[in-house]
Amino acid sequence: MNSGTNRNSIKIGSSVGIVLKQDQRSGKITRGIVKRILTNSSNHPHGIKVELENGQIGRVKEIH
C-alpha cells in the first residue's frame, strides 16, 4: 500500500481510501475511485485532496 501524499502516485480511476472532512477526527476511511485530483502541488503532508466518482471529497490516506 502506498501513502497518498505524492500527487504522481495517484491516477484518475485509481482505487483509494480517503478521509472525508467530517471524518478527520475519527480517521474513518472511505473507499472509492478517483474522479478528479484537486490538489495542485506535487505533494501534501496530509494527503492529496481528490473527488471520488460518487462526488465525495477527501484526502487520500491509502492507494490500492
Foldseek 3Di string as FASTA:
>chain_A
DDAQFFPVVADQQFWFWFQAPVCVVVPDTDIAGFHAFDDPDRGDPVATWTAGPVGTIGGTGGTD
